[in-house]
Protein backbone atom coordinates (compact mmCIF):
# COMPACT_ATOMS: atom_id res chain seq x y z
CA MET A 1 99.14 147.13 66.48
CA GLN A 2 98.46 147.13 62.75
CA ALA A 3 98.87 144.13 60.47
CA GLN A 4 98.82 144.62 56.72
CA TYR A 5 99.10 142.52 53.61
CA TYR A 6 98.48 142.59 49.93
CA ILE A 7 97.60 139.72 47.59
CA ASP A 8 96.91 141.16 44.15
CA ARG A 9 94.03 140.26 41.86
CA HIS A 10 96.19 137.75 40.01
CA ARG A 11 96.64 135.85 43.32
CA PHE A 12 100.31 136.76 43.63
CA ASP A 13 101.69 137.37 47.10
CA THR A 14 103.44 140.62 46.25
CA ALA A 15 105.13 140.75 49.62
CA ASN A 16 106.99 137.51 48.93
CA TRP A 17 107.33 137.40 45.14
CA SER A 18 109.86 139.00 42.87
CA LYS A 19 109.81 139.38 39.12
CA PRO A 20 111.95 136.77 37.36
CA GLY A 21 115.15 138.31 36.11
CA SER A 22 114.92 141.24 38.45
CA GLY A 23 117.95 140.07 40.38
CA SER A 24 116.04 139.87 43.66
CA THR A 25 115.28 136.66 45.48
CA LEU A 26 112.57 135.38 47.77
CA SER A 27 114.73 136.11 50.79
CA ASP A 28 115.19 139.66 49.51
CA ALA A 29 111.42 140.06 49.35
CA HIS A 30 111.07 138.90 52.94
CA SER A 31 113.50 141.64 54.01
CA LYS A 32 111.51 144.39 52.34
CA ASN A 33 109.22 146.68 54.32
CA PHE A 34 105.60 146.24 53.30
CA SER A 35 104.07 148.18 56.21
CA SER A 36 103.39 151.12 53.89
CA VAL A 37 99.94 151.09 52.34
CA GLU A 38 101.38 152.56 49.15
CA SER A 39 103.64 149.52 48.79
CA ARG A 40 100.54 147.34 48.82
CA ARG A 41 98.61 149.04 46.03
CA SER A 42 97.81 146.78 43.11
CA THR A 43 100.24 147.18 40.24
CA ALA A 44 97.25 146.63 37.93
CA SER A 45 95.77 149.96 38.98
CA ARG A 46 97.25 153.39 38.29
CA ARG A 47 95.21 155.06 41.01
CA ARG A 48 97.35 156.42 43.80
CA MET A 49 96.89 158.65 46.83
CA SER A 50 97.56 161.99 45.14
CA SER A 51 97.60 165.35 46.95
CA SER A 52 94.23 166.28 45.48
CA ARG A 53 92.72 162.98 46.61
CA ARG A 54 94.13 163.44 50.10
CA LEU A 55 92.51 166.88 50.26
CA TYR A 56 89.23 165.46 48.96
CA TYR A 57 89.21 162.79 51.67
CA PHE A 58 90.27 165.28 54.34
CA LEU A 59 87.37 167.61 53.57
CA GLY A 60 84.79 164.98 52.65
CA LEU A 61 85.32 162.44 55.43
CA PRO A 62 83.85 164.54 58.28
CA LEU A 63 80.79 165.26 56.13
CA LEU A 64 80.38 161.58 55.24
CA ARG A 65 80.70 160.51 58.87
CA GLY A 66 78.13 163.10 59.86
CA VAL A 67 75.67 161.88 57.23
CA ILE A 68 76.16 158.26 58.29
CA ARG A 69 75.67 159.10 61.95
CA LEU A 70 72.57 161.16 61.23
CA LEU A 71 71.06 158.47 59.00
CA THR A 72 71.77 155.51 61.28
CA ALA A 73 70.46 157.43 64.30
CA THR A 74 67.00 157.30 62.73
CA TYR A 75 66.99 153.51 62.35
CA ARG A 76 64.71 151.46 64.59
CA ILE A 77 66.31 148.17 65.59
CA GLU A 78 63.22 146.04 66.17
CA LYS A 79 65.12 142.99 67.34
CA VAL A 80 68.57 141.43 67.46
CA ILE A 81 68.00 137.69 67.22
CA GLY A 82 70.71 135.61 68.90
CA ALA A 83 72.42 138.63 70.48
CA ALA A 84 73.75 136.40 73.26
CA HIS A 85 75.98 134.59 70.75
CA LEU A 86 78.40 137.52 70.75
CA GLU A 87 78.36 138.31 74.46
CA THR A 88 81.13 135.77 75.11
CA PHE A 89 83.46 137.79 72.89
CA ILE A 90 82.85 141.24 74.37
CA GLY A 91 85.14 142.77 76.98
CA ASN A 92 87.82 140.06 76.91
CA ASP A 93 90.33 138.37 74.61
CA ALA A 94 87.93 135.68 73.41
CA VAL A 95 88.10 135.71 69.61
CA CYS A 96 85.65 134.89 66.82
CA ALA A 97 85.24 135.56 63.11
CA PRO A 98 82.02 137.55 62.43
CA CYS A 99 80.94 137.13 58.79
CA TYR A 100 78.11 138.74 56.84
CA TRP A 101 77.16 139.60 53.27
CA HIS A 102 78.70 142.68 51.67
CA GLN A 103 75.16 143.89 51.01
CA HIS A 104 74.49 144.26 54.74
CA HIS A 105 77.58 146.28 55.65
CA VAL A 106 75.78 149.49 56.67
CA VAL A 107 73.56 147.77 59.23
CA VAL A 108 76.06 145.25 60.60
CA SER A 109 78.89 147.77 60.88
CA MET A 110 76.52 150.05 62.80
CA LEU A 111 75.86 147.21 65.23
CA MET A 112 79.57 146.38 65.30
CA ARG A 113 80.30 149.94 66.37
CA SER A 114 78.06 149.53 69.43
CA TRP A 115 79.86 146.29 70.30
CA ILE A 116 83.25 147.99 70.00
CA LYS A 117 82.10 150.62 72.49
CA ARG A 118 81.36 147.77 74.90
CA GLY A 119 84.81 146.25 74.53
CA PHE A 120 84.59 144.05 71.44
CA LYS A 121 88.05 144.00 69.82
CA ALA A 122 87.33 144.12 66.10
CA CYS A 123 89.72 144.13 63.17
CA PHE A 124 88.31 144.87 59.71
CA LEU A 125 89.69 143.75 56.37
CA VAL A 126 89.81 146.82 54.11
CA SER A 127 90.90 147.04 50.49
CA GLY A 128 94.46 148.14 49.84
CA SER A 129 93.24 150.43 47.06
CA VAL A 130 92.78 154.17 47.51
CA ASP A 131 89.05 153.45 47.87
CA GLY A 132 89.86 151.79 51.19
CA GLU A 133 91.14 155.00 52.77
CA VAL A 134 87.71 156.23 53.85
CA PRO A 135 86.44 152.96 55.42
CA GLU A 136 89.78 152.55 57.18
CA ARG A 137 89.55 155.98 58.80
CA ILE A 138 85.94 155.41 59.78
CA ALA A 139 86.76 152.03 61.35
CA ARG A 140 89.71 153.46 63.26
CA ALA A 141 87.55 156.32 64.50
CA TRP A 142 85.30 153.67 66.03
CA GLY A 143 88.28 152.15 67.85
CA ALA A 144 88.73 149.14 65.56
CA GLU A 145 91.95 147.81 64.05
CA VAL A 146 92.33 147.52 60.28
CA ILE A 147 94.17 145.17 57.95
CA ARG A 148 94.80 146.89 54.61
CA GLY A 149 95.02 144.80 51.52
CA SER A 150 93.09 142.65 49.14
CA ALA A 151 90.10 140.73 50.40
CA ASN A 152 91.64 137.63 48.83
CA GLN A 153 92.33 135.74 52.06
CA SER A 154 93.98 132.64 50.59
CA GLY A 155 97.55 133.92 50.61
CA ALA A 156 99.98 132.73 53.26
CA LEU A 157 100.90 136.29 54.21
CA ALA A 158 97.25 137.25 54.66
CA LEU A 159 96.55 134.27 56.87
CA ARG A 160 99.68 134.98 58.90
CA ASP A 161 98.66 138.58 59.57
CA MET A 162 95.11 137.66 60.48
CA GLN A 163 96.34 134.95 62.81
CA ARG A 164 98.71 137.43 64.45
CA MET A 165 95.85 139.83 65.12
CA MET A 166 93.67 137.07 66.54
CA LYS A 167 96.48 135.96 68.85
CA ASN A 168 96.37 139.50 70.21
CA GLY A 169 92.67 139.16 70.97
CA TYR A 170 91.19 140.75 67.85
CA SER A 171 88.24 139.23 66.01
CA ILE A 172 88.58 139.46 62.22
CA VAL A 173 85.42 140.87 60.65
CA THR A 174 84.80 139.91 57.03
CA THR A 175 82.20 140.35 54.31
CA ALA A 176 82.42 136.76 53.19
CA ASP A 177 81.21 137.25 49.61
CA GLY A 178 83.39 140.29 48.88
CA PRO A 179 85.01 142.13 47.31
CA ASN A 180 83.57 141.22 43.92
CA GLY A 181 81.09 138.44 44.57
CA PRO A 182 79.24 136.51 43.40
CA LYS A 183 76.58 137.78 45.76
CA TYR A 184 75.70 135.43 48.63
CA GLU A 185 78.59 133.07 47.88
CA PHE A 186 80.63 132.42 51.00
CA LYS A 187 84.33 132.45 50.14
CA LEU A 188 86.53 129.60 51.30
CA GLY A 189 89.17 131.99 52.65
CA ALA A 190 87.12 132.86 55.74
CA ILE A 191 86.73 129.15 56.49
CA LEU A 192 90.46 128.56 56.13
CA MET A 193 91.22 131.54 58.38
CA ALA A 194 88.93 130.22 61.13
CA ARG A 195 90.36 126.72 60.83
CA ILE A 196 93.99 127.84 61.09
CA ALA A 197 93.35 130.24 63.99
CA GLY A 198 91.01 127.84 65.79
CA VAL A 199 88.23 130.41 66.19
CA PRO A 200 84.50 130.00 65.50
CA ILE A 201 82.68 131.81 62.71
CA VAL A 202 79.71 133.90 63.85
CA PRO A 203 77.27 134.28 60.91
CA ILE A 204 75.27 137.53 60.80
CA ALA A 205 72.45 138.78 58.56
CA CYS A 206 69.78 141.49 58.63
CA ALA A 207 66.68 142.89 56.96
CA ALA A 208 65.16 146.37 56.60
CA ASP A 209 61.55 147.24 55.81
CA ARG A 210 62.61 149.91 53.33
CA ALA A 211 65.97 150.63 51.77
CA TRP A 212 67.87 151.80 48.72
CA TYR A 213 69.69 149.08 46.77
CA LEU A 214 72.65 150.18 44.69
CA LYS A 215 72.96 148.83 41.15
CA ARG A 216 76.18 146.91 41.61
CA TRP A 217 77.21 143.28 42.07
CA ASP A 218 76.09 143.07 45.73
CA ASN A 219 72.92 145.19 45.52
CA PHE A 220 74.39 147.14 48.44
CA MET A 221 71.62 147.99 50.90
CA ILE A 222 71.25 151.42 52.52
CA PRO A 223 68.19 151.50 54.77
CA LYS A 224 66.13 154.63 54.31
CA PRO A 225 65.59 157.12 57.16
CA PHE A 226 63.49 155.68 59.99
CA ALA A 227 63.70 152.17 58.54
CA ARG A 228 62.80 149.28 60.83
CA ILE A 229 65.57 146.71 61.07
CA VAL A 230 66.01 143.18 62.36
CA VAL A 231 69.46 141.63 62.81
CA ALA A 232 70.13 137.92 63.37
CA LEU A 233 73.26 136.22 64.73
CA GLY A 234 73.76 132.48 64.41
CA ASP A 235 75.45 129.97 66.68
CA PRO A 236 79.26 130.22 66.61
CA TYR A 237 80.40 127.65 64.06
CA PRO A 238 83.77 126.00 64.82
CA ILE A 239 86.01 124.57 62.10
CA PRO A 240 87.92 121.60 63.58
CA ALA A 241 91.66 122.22 63.43
CA ASP A 242 92.30 118.74 62.05
CA THR A 243 90.01 119.28 59.05
CA PRO A 244 91.94 118.48 55.83
CA LEU A 245 92.02 121.27 53.26
CA ASP A 246 90.08 119.14 50.79
CA ALA A 247 87.34 118.67 53.39
CA LEU A 248 86.61 122.37 54.03
CA GLU A 249 83.92 122.67 51.35
CA PRO A 250 81.11 121.14 53.48
CA HIS A 251 81.87 123.70 56.19
CA ARG A 252 81.78 126.52 53.64
CA VAL A 253 78.36 125.34 52.45
CA ASN A 254 77.08 125.01 56.03
CA VAL A 255 78.08 128.56 56.96
CA GLN A 256 76.72 129.95 53.69
CA GLN A 257 73.38 128.26 54.38
CA ALA A 258 73.46 129.60 57.94
CA VAL A 259 73.82 133.20 56.75
CA MET A 260 71.06 132.74 54.17
CA SER A 261 68.80 131.21 56.83
CA LEU A 262 69.48 134.12 59.18
CA MET A 263 68.60 136.56 56.41
CA SER A 264 65.28 134.78 55.85
CA GLU A 265 64.62 134.72 59.59
CA SER A 266 65.27 138.46 59.81
CA GLN A 267 62.87 139.13 56.94
CA ASP A 268 60.18 136.87 58.44
CA THR A 269 60.52 138.48 61.89
CA LEU A 270 60.24 141.95 60.40
CA ARG A 271 57.24 140.94 58.31
CA GLY A 272 55.56 139.39 61.37
CA ALA A 273 56.02 142.60 63.36
CA GLN A 274 54.49 144.64 60.57
CA GLU A 275 51.50 142.29 60.26
CA ALA A 276 50.93 142.37 64.02
CA GLU A 277 50.60 146.14 63.89
CA SER A 278 48.23 146.19 60.92
């Protein structure tokens, strides 16, 4: 099963909106087929999946996957704090909403891959742009499901598709401060998703003793070869189903603080291990 959506950067639900004067109506939009990824590309971008780009991805993807596998195979996972918090959701239809910072995607996705092998049913949110083609193929190669579209999760269509996937036993995995930040700011959309679906958020963070940090909004972290890593998972955080929309902000702040606290705990644990050896 594959659910897809697209909410563009102007916050329009392009699957349910028609241009005034175009002669089409809202009901017409509902009857259209938006299962094609191409139909979900942002109209603000001229980038499309050309033949040359398809060839580039076809040839480059195996190489990229090989590099990732070789690099991550050298990592030393010193400790996974709170690993038991996810055990309830592995090998069955129990559903949660794992959330972590965009900066930590390399490490957490590596761990997520090991969970998927054990029966964790994961569904990733991946950009509807052509840049999302590679992460989608990598995620599917792991055995995960993928929702293609904008990371703006506030649209009704987005929430509907995510809820549909969760009803089928898939946990929606999100980078809660993506796609464009600000860094370490937990977006309200993930809270709303968890509240509507009635699933708990599982906050995740990590730390590495040495890494490259890309010069972009999230300071994307790529641990260097043979890096020592600590990952921390927090208690599943439920959002009561009867929470009014104007009362979600305290929950957003609580989960944001939880992820930040887990990041600090990971760093402190890693530092303690290094000091114990010196």
